[in-house]
Amino acid sequence: PPLRKQKRWVAASYFVHFYTALGLPISLLQVLLLLGPEPSFDAFFYLNSLAVFVDATDGTLARLVDVKLNTPTFDGALLDNIVDFITFTFIPSLVTVAFKIVARDDVPMVLNVAVVPLFASAYQFCYSGAKTTESFVGFPSYWNILVFYVYILKPARMVTFAVYAALNVFSFVPVHFVYPSRTKKLQALTLGLAAVWTAALAYSAINRGTELGVQVALMSLLFPVYYTVLSLYLHATGYFTKPRVIKPKVK
């Protein structure tokens, strides 16, 4: 049954909103460090990972205390979008310049890698149909993951340009992508692989610049490939748009 609107649940709901908002000072700290005389990739990686952890867990807490019922005048979804835009898009765009992933005088590259993603994500976060009950619609703005791989693996300029260009386009194309915490199809497998993948990213970051660190980063690309193939398969077969049969609850 839904939680009744009581003072303790109202307080708990505002605490969840505060928890979501923690992503803002975390992002501010990232900006200050990135604009400093010696930008630290370690600081970016750990702080951005912390912000992603907050984002990955606040939704569960929000549903647990039923924030919509207990704080009806506070738009937690809007707050979440503001924090996510900064975490997943603005900070990664700044990283591309701060760590000289792209040369500042390479205008086409700067536009494609640092500027266009801002517009693409702005569209994503303002598009009312960007999320369904089980999917993202359009590329879900995982720019922080992409900038990590580009920094660690240092691919050729044209490879980086092509990948960013493709994902910029897919931000506007209504292709459904797996929403790991909501997509029921193969969810256990997806979450299990995601956990292994996360550990691989952490290892690659800690051991970046070493041969083994690069190899682990390359191997970890298997999960993004799995994620993309599964998303395209489920989209092509109409899984995300099929009507769901809701089973009645047995009392």
Protein backbone atom coordinates (compact mmCIF):
# COMPACT_ATOMS: atom_id res chain seq x y z
CA PRO A 1 0.00 0.00 0.00
CA PRO A 2 1.17 3.59 -0.59
CA LEU A 3 2.81 5.33 2.34
CA ARG A 4 0.42 7.75 3.98
CA LYS A 5 1.41 11.39 4.07
CA GLN A 6 2.84 11.67 7.57
CA LYS A 7 5.51 14.02 8.92
CA ARG A 8 8.16 11.31 9.07
CA TRP A 9 7.59 10.33 5.43
CA VAL A 10 7.58 13.97 4.32
CA ALA A 11 10.90 14.46 6.11
CA ALA A 12 12.26 11.25 4.58
CA SER A 13 11.18 12.41 1.12
CA TYR A 14 12.94 15.75 1.46
CA PHE A 15 16.03 13.91 2.66
CA VAL A 16 15.96 11.86 -0.58
CA HIS A 17 15.75 15.10 -2.59
CA PHE A 18 18.72 16.42 -0.60
CA TYR A 19 20.57 13.18 -1.37
CA THR A 20 19.90 13.69 -5.09
CA ALA A 21 21.14 17.28 -4.85
CA LEU A 22 24.47 16.09 -3.43
CA GLY A 23 25.49 15.57 -7.05
CA LEU A 24 25.69 19.37 -7.39
CA PRO A 25 28.50 20.09 -4.88
CA ILE A 26 30.27 16.96 -6.11
CA SER A 27 30.17 18.40 -9.63
CA LEU A 28 31.29 21.83 -8.40
CA LEU A 29 34.32 20.22 -6.80
CA GLN A 30 35.08 18.48 -10.11
CA VAL A 31 34.91 21.79 -11.97
CA LEU A 32 37.22 23.51 -9.50
CA LEU A 33 39.76 20.69 -9.79
CA LEU A 34 39.51 20.54 -13.58
CA LEU A 35 40.10 24.30 -13.87
CA GLY A 36 43.07 24.18 -11.52
CA PRO A 37 46.71 24.43 -12.65
CA GLU A 38 47.12 20.64 -12.65
CA PRO A 39 43.83 18.84 -13.48
CA SER A 40 43.71 15.39 -11.91
CA PHE A 41 42.15 12.50 -13.82
CA ASP A 42 41.98 10.50 -10.58
CA ALA A 43 39.95 13.26 -8.93
CA PHE A 44 37.58 13.39 -11.91
CA PHE A 45 37.16 9.63 -12.02
CA TYR A 46 36.47 9.13 -8.32
CA LEU A 47 34.23 12.18 -7.92
CA ASN A 48 32.29 11.45 -11.08
CA SER A 49 31.90 7.83 -9.97
CA LEU A 50 30.55 9.08 -6.64
CA ALA A 51 28.04 11.30 -8.44
CA VAL A 52 26.98 8.36 -10.62
CA PHE A 53 26.51 6.22 -7.49
CA VAL A 54 24.21 8.86 -6.01
CA ASP A 55 22.25 8.95 -9.27
CA ALA A 56 22.02 5.16 -9.41
CA THR A 57 20.61 4.87 -5.89
CA ASP A 58 18.38 7.91 -5.40
CA GLY A 59 15.60 6.54 -7.58
CA THR A 60 15.24 3.44 -5.42
CA LEU A 61 15.08 5.59 -2.30
CA ALA A 62 12.55 7.92 -3.92
CA ARG A 63 10.23 5.04 -4.73
CA LEU A 64 10.74 3.54 -1.28
CA VAL A 65 9.44 6.62 0.54
CA ASP A 66 7.05 7.66 -2.27
CA VAL A 67 8.33 11.20 -2.81
CA LYS A 68 5.55 12.05 -5.27
CA LEU A 69 2.91 11.45 -2.60
CA ASN A 70 4.77 13.07 0.27
CA THR A 71 6.28 16.10 -1.50
CA PRO A 72 3.81 16.81 -4.34
CA THR A 73 4.96 20.41 -4.81
CA PHE A 74 8.63 19.47 -5.25
CA ASP A 75 9.68 18.18 -8.69
CA GLY A 76 12.30 15.56 -7.88
CA ALA A 77 12.48 14.43 -11.50
CA LEU A 78 13.46 17.94 -12.60
CA LEU A 79 16.15 18.10 -9.91
CA ASP A 80 17.43 14.71 -11.05
CA ASN A 81 17.64 15.91 -14.66
CA ILE A 82 19.58 19.04 -13.65
CA VAL A 83 22.09 16.99 -11.68
CA ASP A 84 22.35 14.34 -14.42
CA PHE A 85 22.99 16.91 -17.16
CA ILE A 86 25.93 18.29 -15.20
CA THR A 87 27.26 14.85 -14.21
CA PHE A 88 26.88 12.99 -17.48
CA THR A 89 27.33 15.80 -20.03
CA PHE A 90 28.70 19.14 -18.84
CA ILE A 91 31.58 17.73 -16.79
CA PRO A 92 32.65 15.27 -19.54
CA SER A 93 32.62 18.12 -22.09
CA LEU A 94 34.88 20.12 -19.79
CA VAL A 95 37.13 17.07 -19.33
CA THR A 96 37.77 16.80 -23.08
CA VAL A 97 39.35 20.25 -23.00
CA ALA A 98 40.94 20.15 -19.52
CA PHE A 99 42.86 16.94 -20.27
CA LYS A 100 43.59 17.99 -23.86
CA ILE A 101 41.71 14.99 -25.24
CA VAL A 102 41.02 17.32 -28.14
CA ALA A 103 43.26 20.16 -29.25
CA ARG A 104 41.65 23.52 -28.55
CA ASP A 105 42.56 24.79 -32.00
CA ASP A 106 40.90 21.77 -33.68
CA VAL A 107 37.54 23.50 -34.10
CA PRO A 108 35.62 20.63 -35.81
CA MET A 109 36.74 18.23 -33.08
CA VAL A 110 35.90 20.62 -30.24
CA LEU A 111 32.44 21.23 -31.68
CA ASN A 112 31.75 17.52 -32.19
CA VAL A 113 33.18 16.26 -28.89
CA ALA A 114 32.59 19.10 -26.43
CA VAL A 115 29.84 21.37 -27.80
CA VAL A 116 27.31 19.29 -29.76
CA PRO A 117 26.87 16.79 -26.87
CA LEU A 118 25.63 19.70 -24.75
CA PHE A 119 22.84 20.39 -27.23
CA ALA A 120 22.12 16.69 -27.76
CA SER A 121 21.77 16.10 -24.02
CA ALA A 122 19.75 19.27 -23.55
CA TYR A 123 17.27 17.78 -26.00
CA GLN A 124 17.35 14.42 -24.22
CA PHE A 125 16.73 15.85 -20.78
CA CYS A 126 13.90 18.09 -22.01
CA TYR A 127 12.20 15.48 -24.24
CA SER A 128 9.17 14.18 -22.34
CA GLY A 129 9.37 10.82 -24.11
CA ALA A 130 13.05 10.17 -23.34
CA LYS A 131 12.14 7.45 -20.83
CA THR A 132 9.56 4.68 -20.85
CA THR A 133 8.77 2.15 -18.16
CA GLU A 134 11.62 -0.05 -19.42
CA SER A 135 13.86 1.99 -21.70
CA PHE A 136 15.65 5.16 -22.66
CA VAL A 137 14.61 6.63 -26.02
CA GLY A 138 17.62 7.96 -27.87
CA PHE A 139 21.23 7.69 -26.72
CA PRO A 140 21.04 8.11 -22.92
CA SER A 141 23.86 10.65 -22.54
CA TYR A 142 26.58 8.34 -21.26
CA TRP A 143 29.22 10.90 -22.21
CA ASN A 144 31.22 10.40 -19.02
CA ILE A 145 31.77 6.76 -19.98
CA LEU A 146 32.81 7.70 -23.49
CA VAL A 147 35.30 10.32 -22.34
CA PHE A 148 36.81 7.74 -19.96
CA TYR A 149 37.48 5.32 -22.80
CA VAL A 150 38.87 8.03 -25.06
CA TYR A 151 41.26 9.19 -22.33
CA ILE A 152 42.43 5.68 -21.40
CA LEU A 153 42.63 4.11 -24.88
CA LYS A 154 43.60 7.20 -26.88
CA PRO A 155 42.03 6.09 -30.19
CA ALA A 156 42.84 7.73 -33.51
CA ARG A 157 41.31 11.16 -34.08
CA MET A 158 38.89 9.94 -36.76
CA VAL A 159 37.69 7.07 -34.57
CA THR A 160 36.91 9.48 -31.74
CA PHE A 161 35.25 11.90 -34.15
CA ALA A 162 33.11 9.16 -35.74
CA VAL A 163 31.93 7.67 -32.42
CA TYR A 164 30.96 11.06 -31.00
CA ALA A 165 29.22 12.05 -34.23
CA ALA A 166 27.20 8.81 -34.27
CA LEU A 167 26.11 9.18 -30.65
CA ASN A 168 25.22 12.83 -31.19
CA VAL A 169 22.89 11.73 -33.97
CA PHE A 170 21.44 8.84 -31.94
CA SER A 171 20.51 11.32 -29.20
CA PHE A 172 17.77 12.56 -31.55
CA VAL A 173 16.77 9.20 -33.06
CA PRO A 174 13.89 7.41 -31.26
CA VAL A 175 15.72 4.12 -30.79
CA HIS A 176 15.05 2.44 -27.46
CA PHE A 177 18.02 1.60 -25.23
CA VAL A 178 18.08 -0.72 -22.25
CA TYR A 179 17.37 0.93 -18.90
CA PRO A 180 19.37 -1.45 -16.67
CA SER A 181 17.33 -0.93 -13.50
CA ARG A 182 13.99 -1.15 -15.35
CA THR A 183 14.38 -3.42 -18.40
CA LYS A 184 13.12 -6.83 -17.26
CA LYS A 185 14.46 -8.79 -20.24
CA LEU A 186 17.77 -10.41 -19.21
CA GLN A 187 17.94 -7.99 -16.28
CA ALA A 188 19.87 -10.30 -13.97
CA LEU A 189 22.48 -10.91 -16.67
CA THR A 190 22.70 -7.22 -17.54
CA LEU A 191 23.17 -6.12 -13.92
CA GLY A 192 25.69 -8.89 -13.28
CA LEU A 193 27.75 -7.93 -16.31
CA ALA A 194 27.44 -4.26 -15.35
CA ALA A 195 28.96 -5.03 -11.95
CA VAL A 196 31.94 -6.82 -13.55
CA TRP A 197 32.28 -4.00 -16.08
CA THR A 198 32.32 -1.37 -13.31
CA ALA A 199 35.12 -3.23 -11.55
CA ALA A 200 37.05 -3.41 -14.83
CA LEU A 201 36.70 0.36 -15.33
CA ALA A 202 37.98 1.00 -11.81
CA TYR A 203 40.96 -1.28 -12.42
CA SER A 204 41.71 0.46 -15.73
CA ALA A 205 41.57 3.88 -14.09
CA ILE A 206 43.86 2.88 -11.23
CA ASN A 207 46.31 1.18 -13.60
CA ARG A 208 46.00 3.55 -16.53
CA GLY A 209 49.12 3.90 -18.65
CA THR A 210 50.11 0.29 -18.02
CA GLU A 211 49.76 -2.43 -20.64
CA LEU A 212 47.46 -4.48 -18.42
CA GLY A 213 45.31 -1.46 -17.63
CA VAL A 214 44.80 -0.80 -21.33
CA GLN A 215 44.04 -4.46 -22.01
CA VAL A 216 41.43 -4.57 -19.25
CA ALA A 217 39.85 -1.39 -20.65
CA LEU A 218 39.70 -2.99 -24.10
CA MET A 219 38.14 -6.16 -22.71
CA SER A 220 35.60 -4.10 -20.77
CA LEU A 221 34.26 -2.79 -24.08
CA LEU A 222 32.48 -6.13 -24.39
CA PHE A 223 29.80 -4.83 -22.03
CA PRO A 224 28.98 -1.68 -24.06
CA VAL A 225 28.84 -3.96 -27.13
CA TYR A 226 26.47 -6.33 -25.29
CA TYR A 227 24.37 -3.36 -24.11
CA THR A 228 24.12 -1.92 -27.62
CA VAL A 229 23.33 -5.23 -29.32
CA LEU A 230 20.68 -6.09 -26.71
CA SER A 231 19.13 -2.63 -27.02
CA LEU A 232 18.97 -2.78 -30.82
CA TYR A 233 17.60 -6.34 -30.74
CA LEU A 234 14.85 -5.49 -28.25
CA HIS A 235 14.02 -2.35 -30.21
CA ALA A 236 13.88 -4.21 -33.53
CA THR A 237 11.65 -6.94 -32.11
CA GLY A 238 9.26 -4.41 -30.60
CA TYR A 239 9.87 -5.51 -27.02
CA PHE A 240 9.82 -1.99 -25.61
CA THR A 241 6.58 -1.02 -27.36
CA LYS A 242 4.57 -4.19 -26.71
CA PRO A 243 1.69 -3.73 -24.27
CA ARG A 244 2.44 -5.27 -20.90
CA VAL A 245 -0.04 -7.57 -19.18
CA ILE A 246 -0.28 -6.58 -15.53
CA LYS A 247 -1.01 -9.56 -13.35
CA PRO A 248 -3.53 -8.92 -10.58
CA LYS A 249 -2.11 -9.06 -7.08
CA VAL A 250 -3.25 -11.98 -4.97
CA LYS A 251 -4.44 -10.86 -1.56
